N, C-alpha and C. Protein backbone atom coordinates (compact mmCIF):
# COMPACT_ATOMS: atom_id res chain seq x y z
N UNK A 1 88.02 67.54 82.30
CA UNK A 1 88.59 68.56 83.16
C UNK A 1 88.28 69.93 82.55
N UNK A 2 87.79 70.83 83.38
CA UNK A 2 87.49 72.17 82.90
C UNK A 2 88.67 73.09 83.14
N UNK A 3 88.66 74.19 82.44
CA UNK A 3 89.72 75.17 82.63
C UNK A 3 89.75 75.71 84.05
N UNK A 4 88.56 75.91 84.64
CA UNK A 4 88.50 76.44 86.01
C UNK A 4 89.05 75.42 87.01
N UNK A 5 88.74 74.15 86.81
CA UNK A 5 89.26 73.11 87.70
C UNK A 5 90.78 73.07 87.63
N UNK A 6 91.31 73.13 86.42
CA UNK A 6 92.76 73.10 86.24
C UNK A 6 93.42 74.34 86.85
N UNK A 7 92.81 75.50 86.64
CA UNK A 7 93.35 76.75 87.20
C UNK A 7 93.34 76.70 88.72
N UNK A 8 92.23 76.29 89.31
CA UNK A 8 92.13 76.23 90.77
C UNK A 8 93.15 75.25 91.34
N UNK A 9 93.32 74.12 90.69
CA UNK A 9 94.27 73.11 91.17
C UNK A 9 95.70 73.64 91.12
N UNK A 10 96.07 74.25 90.01
CA UNK A 10 97.42 74.81 89.89
C UNK A 10 97.66 75.92 90.91
N UNK A 11 96.65 76.76 91.07
CA UNK A 11 96.81 77.86 92.02
C UNK A 11 96.90 77.35 93.46
N UNK A 12 96.16 76.29 93.79
CA UNK A 12 96.26 75.73 95.13
C UNK A 12 97.65 75.15 95.35
N UNK A 13 98.18 74.46 94.37
CA UNK A 13 99.54 73.92 94.49
C UNK A 13 100.54 75.07 94.72
N UNK A 14 100.34 76.16 94.01
CA UNK A 14 101.21 77.32 94.19
C UNK A 14 101.09 77.94 95.57
N UNK A 15 99.87 78.02 96.09
CA UNK A 15 99.67 78.56 97.43
C UNK A 15 100.29 77.66 98.49
N UNK A 16 100.20 76.35 98.29
CA UNK A 16 100.86 75.44 99.23
C UNK A 16 102.36 75.74 99.28
N UNK A 17 102.97 75.87 98.12
CA UNK A 17 104.40 76.16 98.06
C UNK A 17 104.71 77.51 98.69
N UNK A 18 103.91 78.49 98.38
CA UNK A 18 104.14 79.84 98.90
C UNK A 18 104.06 79.89 100.42
N UNK A 19 103.18 79.07 100.99
CA UNK A 19 103.02 79.02 102.44
C UNK A 19 103.85 77.91 103.09
N UNK A 20 104.71 77.28 102.27
CA UNK A 20 105.61 76.22 102.75
C UNK A 20 104.85 75.07 103.42
N UNK A 21 103.78 74.68 102.75
CA UNK A 21 102.98 73.53 103.19
C UNK A 21 103.14 72.42 102.16
N UNK A 22 103.06 71.20 102.62
CA UNK A 22 103.23 70.05 101.73
C UNK A 22 101.88 69.44 101.36
N UNK A 23 101.93 68.55 100.40
CA UNK A 23 100.73 67.80 100.04
C UNK A 23 100.29 66.94 101.22
N UNK A 24 101.24 66.47 101.99
CA UNK A 24 100.92 65.68 103.18
C UNK A 24 100.20 66.53 104.22
N UNK A 25 100.61 67.80 104.36
CA UNK A 25 99.91 68.72 105.26
C UNK A 25 98.46 68.88 104.82
N UNK A 26 98.27 69.02 103.52
CA UNK A 26 96.93 69.19 102.99
C UNK A 26 96.10 67.92 103.16
N UNK A 27 96.71 66.77 102.94
CA UNK A 27 96.00 65.50 103.13
C UNK A 27 95.54 65.37 104.58
N UNK A 28 96.39 65.76 105.50
CA UNK A 28 96.03 65.71 106.92
C UNK A 28 94.86 66.66 107.21
N UNK A 29 94.92 67.87 106.66
CA UNK A 29 93.85 68.85 106.87
C UNK A 29 92.53 68.36 106.27
N UNK A 30 92.62 67.69 105.14
CA UNK A 30 91.42 67.17 104.47
C UNK A 30 90.95 65.84 105.06
N UNK A 31 91.82 65.18 105.83
CA UNK A 31 91.47 63.88 106.38
C UNK A 31 91.38 62.81 105.31
N UNK A 32 92.33 62.84 104.39
CA UNK A 32 92.31 61.89 103.27
C UNK A 32 93.72 61.39 102.98
N UNK A 33 93.81 60.51 102.03
CA UNK A 33 95.09 59.97 101.61
C UNK A 33 95.81 60.97 100.70
N UNK A 34 97.15 60.98 100.72
CA UNK A 34 97.89 61.87 99.82
C UNK A 34 97.51 61.65 98.34
N UNK A 35 97.12 60.44 97.98
CA UNK A 35 96.72 60.17 96.60
C UNK A 35 95.52 61.03 96.20
N UNK A 36 94.60 61.25 97.13
CA UNK A 36 93.44 62.11 96.86
C UNK A 36 93.89 63.54 96.59
N UNK A 37 94.84 64.02 97.38
CA UNK A 37 95.38 65.37 97.18
C UNK A 37 96.03 65.45 95.80
N UNK A 38 96.81 64.47 95.44
CA UNK A 38 97.46 64.45 94.13
C UNK A 38 96.44 64.54 93.00
N UNK A 39 95.35 63.79 93.13
CA UNK A 39 94.29 63.82 92.12
C UNK A 39 93.70 65.22 91.99
N UNK A 40 93.47 65.87 93.14
CA UNK A 40 92.90 67.23 93.12
C UNK A 40 93.91 68.23 92.53
N UNK A 41 95.17 68.12 92.94
CA UNK A 41 96.17 69.09 92.48
C UNK A 41 96.55 68.91 91.02
N UNK A 42 96.25 67.77 90.44
CA UNK A 42 96.45 67.57 89.00
C UNK A 42 95.24 68.05 88.20
N UNK A 43 94.19 68.47 88.89
CA UNK A 43 93.00 68.97 88.21
C UNK A 43 92.11 67.88 87.67
N UNK A 44 92.31 66.65 88.12
CA UNK A 44 91.50 65.54 87.64
C UNK A 44 90.12 65.50 88.28
N UNK A 45 90.01 66.10 89.45
CA UNK A 45 88.75 66.15 90.18
C UNK A 45 88.59 67.56 90.73
N UNK A 46 87.43 68.18 90.56
CA UNK A 46 87.23 69.53 91.09
C UNK A 46 87.33 69.56 92.61
N UNK A 47 87.78 70.68 93.12
CA UNK A 47 87.83 70.90 94.57
C UNK A 47 86.42 71.13 95.09
N UNK A 48 86.15 70.62 96.28
CA UNK A 48 84.86 70.87 96.91
C UNK A 48 84.96 72.11 97.79
N UNK A 49 83.82 72.66 98.16
CA UNK A 49 83.84 73.82 99.05
C UNK A 49 84.44 73.45 100.40
N UNK A 50 84.19 72.24 100.88
CA UNK A 50 84.77 71.79 102.14
C UNK A 50 86.29 71.73 102.05
N UNK A 51 86.80 71.24 100.94
CA UNK A 51 88.26 71.17 100.74
C UNK A 51 88.86 72.56 100.69
N UNK A 52 88.18 73.48 100.04
CA UNK A 52 88.68 74.86 99.96
C UNK A 52 88.71 75.49 101.36
N UNK A 53 87.65 75.27 102.13
CA UNK A 53 87.60 75.82 103.49
C UNK A 53 88.73 75.25 104.36
N UNK A 54 88.96 73.95 104.27
CA UNK A 54 90.01 73.33 105.07
C UNK A 54 91.40 73.76 104.60
N UNK A 55 91.57 73.92 103.29
CA UNK A 55 92.85 74.40 102.76
C UNK A 55 93.10 75.84 103.21
N UNK A 56 92.06 76.66 103.20
CA UNK A 56 92.21 78.04 103.65
C UNK A 56 92.65 78.08 105.11
N UNK A 57 92.04 77.26 105.93
CA UNK A 57 92.42 77.20 107.34
C UNK A 57 93.90 76.80 107.48
N UNK A 58 94.31 75.79 106.74
CA UNK A 58 95.70 75.35 106.76
C UNK A 58 96.66 76.48 106.37
N UNK A 59 96.25 77.28 105.41
CA UNK A 59 97.10 78.36 104.90
C UNK A 59 96.96 79.67 105.68
N UNK A 60 96.04 79.69 106.64
CA UNK A 60 95.83 80.90 107.43
C UNK A 60 95.09 81.98 106.68
N UNK A 61 94.21 81.58 105.77
CA UNK A 61 93.45 82.51 104.95
C UNK A 61 91.96 82.34 105.19
N UNK A 62 91.20 83.35 104.84
CA UNK A 62 89.74 83.22 104.81
C UNK A 62 89.40 82.40 103.58
N UNK A 63 88.35 81.60 103.66
CA UNK A 63 87.94 80.77 102.52
C UNK A 63 87.62 81.63 101.30
N UNK A 64 87.00 82.79 101.52
CA UNK A 64 86.66 83.66 100.39
C UNK A 64 87.92 84.19 99.71
N UNK A 65 88.94 84.49 100.48
CA UNK A 65 90.20 84.98 99.91
C UNK A 65 90.87 83.89 99.10
N UNK A 66 90.92 82.68 99.66
CA UNK A 66 91.52 81.58 98.91
C UNK A 66 90.73 81.29 97.64
N UNK A 67 89.43 81.36 97.71
CA UNK A 67 88.60 81.13 96.52
C UNK A 67 88.96 82.12 95.42
N UNK A 68 89.12 83.39 95.79
CA UNK A 68 89.49 84.40 94.79
C UNK A 68 90.85 84.11 94.18
N UNK A 69 91.78 83.66 94.99
CA UNK A 69 93.12 83.30 94.49
C UNK A 69 93.01 82.11 93.54
N UNK A 70 92.19 81.12 93.91
CA UNK A 70 92.09 79.90 93.11
C UNK A 70 91.49 80.13 91.74
N UNK A 71 90.59 81.10 91.61
CA UNK A 71 89.92 81.28 90.32
C UNK A 71 90.63 82.26 89.38
N UNK A 72 91.69 82.87 89.87
CA UNK A 72 92.44 83.80 89.03
C UNK A 72 93.18 83.04 87.94
N UNK A 73 93.18 83.55 86.71
CA UNK A 73 93.98 82.91 85.67
C UNK A 73 95.43 82.80 86.15
N UNK A 74 96.11 81.77 85.69
CA UNK A 74 97.47 81.47 86.15
C UNK A 74 98.37 82.70 86.08
N UNK A 75 98.35 83.43 84.99
CA UNK A 75 99.25 84.56 84.83
C UNK A 75 98.82 85.77 85.66
N UNK A 76 97.60 85.78 86.18
CA UNK A 76 97.13 86.91 86.97
C UNK A 76 97.22 86.64 88.46
N UNK A 77 97.41 85.39 88.87
CA UNK A 77 97.40 85.04 90.29
C UNK A 77 98.44 85.80 91.09
N UNK A 78 99.59 86.05 90.51
CA UNK A 78 100.64 86.74 91.24
C UNK A 78 100.29 88.21 91.45
N UNK A 79 99.33 88.73 90.70
CA UNK A 79 98.94 90.13 90.83
C UNK A 79 97.90 90.33 91.93
N UNK A 80 97.24 89.25 92.35
CA UNK A 80 96.20 89.34 93.37
C UNK A 80 96.84 89.37 94.74
N UNK A 81 96.50 90.35 95.54
CA UNK A 81 97.07 90.47 96.88
C UNK A 81 96.13 89.79 97.87
N UNK A 82 96.60 88.71 98.47
CA UNK A 82 95.77 87.99 99.45
C UNK A 82 95.88 88.62 100.81
């Protein structure tokens, strides 16, 4: 697991919470089992560009905006205005 994968996963979990979306909502958007979402959100598997695009749509964000949020260091993510 790389630092970037872990950061992106944690930030995506935070964005889900901030937008009041569940892991089940994300699994539905991705067309996968909740177990797959859990694997991604634990940082065990890197997010794909397709997953980022679908997550952005679920959250009502542009994919580029979500990507910028995902790559921000954990302590800096709250400073980024989406």
